[in-house]
């Protein structure tokens, strides 16, 4: 089985596992909208030593560059930046409910 990314306006909107002949039937919409991607390709390197395919395994929100024939992850914005701090001994860490509170 292979992985295929549905690309609309150069943005990946869905990733599925299917055979090329199933994609070609049109069962999932226009076959031209589906581009094969490799689960083993990351940052232009095939993790098992094979030939990399389209630079990265496609994910929802990735951009497809048809000129370079590659998938690229979305750029992080300031709103998506996460700062992680280490709690001190006096901090209370609240997990999901009041009953899950951990106090050092």
N, C-alpha and C. Protein backbone atom coordinates (compact mmCIF):
# COMPACT_ATOMS: atom_id res chain seq x y z
N UNK A 1 0.84 -1.19 0.00
CA UNK A 1 0.00 0.00 0.00
C UNK A 1 0.89 1.25 0.00
N UNK A 2 0.36 2.30 -0.57
CA UNK A 2 1.07 3.57 -0.66
C UNK A 2 0.27 4.65 0.05
N UNK A 3 0.92 5.74 0.35
CA UNK A 3 0.26 6.90 0.93
C UNK A 3 0.06 7.95 -0.17
N UNK A 4 -1.11 8.58 -0.14
CA UNK A 4 -1.41 9.63 -1.10
C UNK A 4 -1.95 10.85 -0.35
N UNK A 5 -1.52 12.02 -0.81
CA UNK A 5 -1.99 13.28 -0.23
C UNK A 5 -2.95 13.95 -1.21
N UNK A 6 -4.09 14.38 -0.70
CA UNK A 6 -5.01 15.15 -1.53
C UNK A 6 -4.57 16.61 -1.45
N UNK A 7 -4.29 17.20 -2.60
CA UNK A 7 -3.78 18.56 -2.66
C UNK A 7 -4.81 19.45 -3.34
N UNK A 8 -5.21 20.50 -2.62
CA UNK A 8 -6.15 21.49 -3.15
C UNK A 8 -5.53 22.87 -2.98
N UNK A 9 -5.35 23.57 -4.10
CA UNK A 9 -4.70 24.88 -4.09
C UNK A 9 -3.32 24.80 -3.43
N UNK A 10 -2.60 23.72 -3.72
CA UNK A 10 -1.23 23.48 -3.22
C UNK A 10 -1.16 23.23 -1.71
N UNK A 11 -2.30 22.95 -1.07
CA UNK A 11 -2.32 22.64 0.36
C UNK A 11 -2.85 21.22 0.54
N UNK A 12 -2.16 20.43 1.38
CA UNK A 12 -2.60 19.07 1.66
C UNK A 12 -3.81 19.12 2.59
N UNK A 13 -4.90 18.50 2.16
CA UNK A 13 -6.13 18.49 2.96
C UNK A 13 -6.47 17.12 3.52
N UNK A 14 -5.80 16.08 3.00
CA UNK A 14 -6.09 14.72 3.46
C UNK A 14 -4.93 13.82 3.05
N UNK A 15 -4.64 12.81 3.87
CA UNK A 15 -3.65 11.79 3.53
C UNK A 15 -4.29 10.43 3.78
N UNK A 16 -4.19 9.54 2.78
CA UNK A 16 -4.80 8.21 2.90
C UNK A 16 -3.80 7.14 2.47
N UNK A 17 -4.13 5.90 2.81
CA UNK A 17 -3.37 4.74 2.35
C UNK A 17 -4.23 4.05 1.30
N UNK A 18 -3.67 3.88 0.11
CA UNK A 18 -4.42 3.26 -0.99
C UNK A 18 -3.45 2.77 -2.06
N UNK A 19 -3.97 2.02 -2.98
CA UNK A 19 -3.20 1.60 -4.15
C UNK A 19 -3.46 2.60 -5.28
N UNK A 20 -2.48 2.76 -6.15
CA UNK A 20 -2.61 3.69 -7.27
C UNK A 20 -3.83 3.37 -8.14
N UNK A 21 -4.12 2.08 -8.35
CA UNK A 21 -5.25 1.74 -9.20
C UNK A 21 -6.59 2.15 -8.58
N UNK A 22 -6.67 2.19 -7.25
CA UNK A 22 -7.89 2.65 -6.57
C UNK A 22 -8.01 4.17 -6.74
N UNK A 23 -6.91 4.88 -6.58
CA UNK A 23 -6.92 6.34 -6.80
C UNK A 23 -7.39 6.63 -8.22
N UNK A 24 -6.88 5.86 -9.17
CA UNK A 24 -7.19 6.08 -10.59
C UNK A 24 -8.66 5.86 -10.93
N UNK A 25 -9.42 5.12 -10.09
CA UNK A 25 -10.84 4.89 -10.37
C UNK A 25 -11.69 6.15 -10.16
N UNK A 26 -11.16 7.12 -9.41
CA UNK A 26 -11.93 8.31 -9.11
C UNK A 26 -12.81 8.15 -7.89
N UNK A 27 -12.69 7.03 -7.19
CA UNK A 27 -13.49 6.77 -5.99
C UNK A 27 -13.32 7.88 -4.94
N UNK A 28 -12.14 8.47 -4.88
CA UNK A 28 -11.85 9.53 -3.90
C UNK A 28 -11.81 10.91 -4.54
N UNK A 29 -12.44 11.06 -5.68
CA UNK A 29 -12.43 12.34 -6.38
C UNK A 29 -11.43 12.32 -7.53
N UNK A 30 -11.15 13.48 -8.04
CA UNK A 30 -10.26 13.62 -9.19
C UNK A 30 -8.89 12.99 -8.90
N UNK A 31 -8.49 11.98 -9.65
CA UNK A 31 -7.20 11.34 -9.41
C UNK A 31 -6.01 12.31 -9.50
N UNK A 32 -6.15 13.38 -10.27
CA UNK A 32 -5.07 14.36 -10.40
C UNK A 32 -4.84 15.13 -9.10
N UNK A 33 -5.82 15.11 -8.18
CA UNK A 33 -5.68 15.80 -6.90
C UNK A 33 -4.87 15.01 -5.89
N UNK A 34 -4.58 13.73 -6.19
CA UNK A 34 -3.89 12.85 -5.25
C UNK A 34 -2.44 12.66 -5.68
N UNK A 35 -1.52 12.96 -4.78
CA UNK A 35 -0.09 12.86 -5.07
C UNK A 35 0.54 11.91 -4.07
N UNK A 36 1.30 10.97 -4.59
CA UNK A 36 1.93 9.97 -3.72
C UNK A 36 2.96 10.63 -2.81
N UNK A 37 3.02 10.15 -1.58
CA UNK A 37 3.97 10.63 -0.58
C UNK A 37 4.58 9.42 0.12
N UNK A 38 5.77 9.56 0.66
CA UNK A 38 6.44 8.43 1.29
C UNK A 38 6.54 8.64 2.79
N UNK A 39 5.99 7.68 3.52
CA UNK A 39 6.04 7.70 4.99
C UNK A 39 7.48 7.71 5.50
N UNK A 40 8.41 7.19 4.71
CA UNK A 40 9.80 7.08 5.13
C UNK A 40 10.69 8.24 4.69
N UNK A 41 10.12 9.28 4.08
CA UNK A 41 10.92 10.42 3.63
C UNK A 41 10.70 11.62 4.55
N UNK A 42 11.80 12.11 5.12
CA UNK A 42 11.77 13.29 6.00
C UNK A 42 13.00 14.14 5.73
N UNK A 43 12.78 15.44 5.50
CA UNK A 43 13.86 16.39 5.23
C UNK A 43 14.75 15.92 4.09
N UNK A 44 14.16 15.34 3.06
CA UNK A 44 14.89 14.93 1.88
C UNK A 44 15.71 13.66 2.04
N UNK A 45 15.49 12.93 3.13
CA UNK A 45 16.23 11.70 3.39
C UNK A 45 15.24 10.55 3.56
N UNK A 46 15.51 9.44 2.87
CA UNK A 46 14.70 8.24 3.04
C UNK A 46 15.27 7.48 4.24
N UNK A 47 14.46 7.28 5.27
CA UNK A 47 14.93 6.70 6.52
C UNK A 47 15.44 5.27 6.40
N UNK A 48 15.04 4.57 5.34
CA UNK A 48 15.50 3.19 5.15
C UNK A 48 16.60 3.09 4.09
N UNK A 49 17.13 4.25 3.67
CA UNK A 49 18.21 4.27 2.71
C UNK A 49 17.77 4.27 1.26
N UNK A 50 16.49 4.30 1.01
CA UNK A 50 15.99 4.32 -0.36
C UNK A 50 16.05 5.72 -0.96
N UNK A 51 15.40 5.88 -2.09
CA UNK A 51 15.35 7.17 -2.76
C UNK A 51 14.26 8.02 -2.11
N UNK A 52 14.59 9.22 -1.63
CA UNK A 52 13.56 10.08 -1.02
C UNK A 52 12.50 10.49 -2.05
N UNK A 53 11.26 10.62 -1.59
CA UNK A 53 10.16 11.00 -2.47
C UNK A 53 9.54 12.30 -1.97
N UNK A 54 9.65 13.35 -2.74
CA UNK A 54 9.01 14.64 -2.50
C UNK A 54 9.39 15.28 -1.16
N UNK A 55 10.62 15.13 -0.77
CA UNK A 55 11.26 15.79 0.36
C UNK A 55 10.72 15.42 1.73
N UNK A 56 9.40 15.38 1.91
CA UNK A 56 8.79 15.07 3.21
C UNK A 56 7.54 14.25 3.04
N UNK A 57 7.24 13.44 4.06
CA UNK A 57 5.94 12.78 4.11
C UNK A 57 4.90 13.88 4.31
N UNK A 58 3.89 13.91 3.47
CA UNK A 58 2.88 14.97 3.53
C UNK A 58 2.01 14.84 4.77
N UNK A 59 1.64 15.96 5.32
CA UNK A 59 0.70 16.02 6.43
C UNK A 59 -0.35 17.07 6.12
N UNK A 60 -1.48 16.99 6.77
CA UNK A 60 -2.53 17.99 6.56
C UNK A 60 -1.97 19.37 6.90
N UNK A 61 -2.19 20.30 5.99
CA UNK A 61 -1.67 21.66 6.17
C UNK A 61 -0.32 21.88 5.51
N UNK A 62 0.32 20.82 5.04
CA UNK A 62 1.59 20.97 4.33
C UNK A 62 1.32 21.64 2.98
N UNK A 63 2.35 22.28 2.44
CA UNK A 63 2.27 22.91 1.13
C UNK A 63 2.93 21.99 0.11
N UNK A 64 2.31 21.85 -1.04
CA UNK A 64 2.93 21.11 -2.14
C UNK A 64 3.47 22.12 -3.14
N UNK A 65 4.76 22.03 -3.43
CA UNK A 65 5.41 22.89 -4.41
C UNK A 65 5.52 22.08 -5.71
N UNK A 66 4.67 22.38 -6.71
CA UNK A 66 4.69 21.58 -7.93
C UNK A 66 5.95 21.78 -8.77
N UNK A 67 6.62 22.91 -8.63
CA UNK A 67 7.85 23.16 -9.39
C UNK A 67 8.98 22.30 -8.84
N UNK A 68 9.15 22.31 -7.51
CA UNK A 68 10.18 21.50 -6.87
C UNK A 68 9.72 20.06 -6.66
N UNK A 69 8.41 19.80 -6.84
CA UNK A 69 7.81 18.49 -6.61
C UNK A 69 8.12 17.99 -5.20
N UNK A 70 7.73 18.83 -4.20
CA UNK A 70 8.01 18.46 -2.82
C UNK A 70 6.93 18.98 -1.88
N UNK A 71 6.81 18.29 -0.74
CA UNK A 71 5.90 18.70 0.32
C UNK A 71 6.72 19.41 1.40
N UNK A 72 6.20 20.52 1.90
CA UNK A 72 6.88 21.29 2.95
C UNK A 72 5.92 21.56 4.09
N UNK A 73 6.42 21.43 5.34
CA UNK A 73 5.55 21.67 6.50
C UNK A 73 5.17 23.13 6.61
N UNK A 74 4.06 23.41 7.28
CA UNK A 74 3.67 24.81 7.48
C UNK A 74 4.68 25.53 8.37
N UNK A 75 4.82 26.80 8.13
CA UNK A 75 5.72 27.63 8.95
C UNK A 75 5.04 27.92 10.28
N UNK A 76 5.81 27.89 11.35
CA UNK A 76 5.27 28.24 12.67
C UNK A 76 5.07 29.75 12.74
N UNK A 77 3.98 30.16 13.34
CA UNK A 77 3.74 31.58 13.54
C UNK A 77 3.94 31.89 15.02
N UNK A 78 4.00 33.15 15.34
CA UNK A 78 4.19 33.55 16.73
C UNK A 78 3.11 32.95 17.62
N UNK A 79 1.88 32.87 17.12
CA UNK A 79 0.78 32.33 17.91
C UNK A 79 0.95 30.83 18.18
N UNK A 80 1.74 30.16 17.34
CA UNK A 80 1.93 28.72 17.51
C UNK A 80 3.18 28.38 18.32
N UNK A 81 3.96 29.39 18.69
CA UNK A 81 5.18 29.15 19.45
C UNK A 81 4.83 28.79 20.88
N UNK A 82 5.45 27.74 21.39
CA UNK A 82 5.17 27.28 22.75
C UNK A 82 6.43 27.48 23.60
N UNK A 83 6.26 28.08 24.76
CA UNK A 83 7.35 28.22 25.70
C UNK A 83 7.15 27.21 26.81
N UNK A 84 8.19 26.42 27.07
CA UNK A 84 8.11 25.40 28.12
C UNK A 84 9.02 25.83 29.26
N UNK A 85 8.46 25.87 30.45
CA UNK A 85 9.25 26.21 31.63
C UNK A 85 9.23 25.02 32.59
N UNK A 86 10.26 24.91 33.36
CA UNK A 86 10.36 23.83 34.34
C UNK A 86 9.72 24.28 35.64
N UNK A 87 8.76 23.51 36.16
CA UNK A 87 8.12 23.90 37.42
C UNK A 87 9.11 23.83 38.59
N UNK A 88 8.89 24.70 39.56
CA UNK A 88 9.72 24.66 40.77
C UNK A 88 9.00 23.84 41.82
N UNK A 89 9.67 23.56 42.92
CA UNK A 89 9.10 22.74 43.99
C UNK A 89 7.83 23.34 44.58
N UNK A 90 7.68 24.67 44.48
CA UNK A 90 6.50 25.30 45.05
C UNK A 90 5.32 25.39 44.08
N UNK A 91 5.52 24.98 42.81
CA UNK A 91 4.46 25.05 41.81
C UNK A 91 3.47 23.90 41.97
N UNK A 92 2.21 24.17 41.64
CA UNK A 92 1.19 23.13 41.56
C UNK A 92 0.95 22.86 40.09
N UNK A 93 0.97 21.60 39.71
CA UNK A 93 0.74 21.22 38.32
C UNK A 93 -0.67 20.66 38.23
N UNK A 94 -1.53 21.30 37.45
CA UNK A 94 -2.90 20.85 37.29
C UNK A 94 -2.99 20.09 35.96
N UNK A 95 -3.42 18.84 36.01
CA UNK A 95 -3.50 18.02 34.81
C UNK A 95 -4.82 18.24 34.10
N UNK A 96 -5.87 17.48 34.41
CA UNK A 96 -7.11 17.65 33.69
C UNK A 96 -8.28 18.00 34.59
N UNK A 97 -8.27 17.59 35.82
CA UNK A 97 -9.35 17.91 36.74
C UNK A 97 -8.76 18.25 38.11
N UNK A 98 -9.55 18.82 38.97
CA UNK A 98 -9.06 19.17 40.30
C UNK A 98 -8.54 17.95 41.05
N UNK A 99 -9.11 16.78 40.79
CA UNK A 99 -8.68 15.58 41.48
C UNK A 99 -7.33 15.06 40.97
N UNK A 100 -6.85 15.62 39.82
CA UNK A 100 -5.58 15.20 39.25
C UNK A 100 -4.44 16.16 39.61
N UNK A 101 -4.64 17.05 40.57
CA UNK A 101 -3.62 18.03 40.94
C UNK A 101 -2.46 17.33 41.64
N UNK A 102 -1.26 17.69 41.20
CA UNK A 102 -0.04 17.14 41.82
C UNK A 102 0.69 18.29 42.51
N UNK A 103 0.98 18.15 43.75
CA UNK A 103 1.77 19.16 44.46
C UNK A 103 3.07 18.51 44.91
N UNK A 104 4.18 19.14 44.55
CA UNK A 104 5.48 18.56 44.92
C UNK A 104 5.70 18.56 46.43
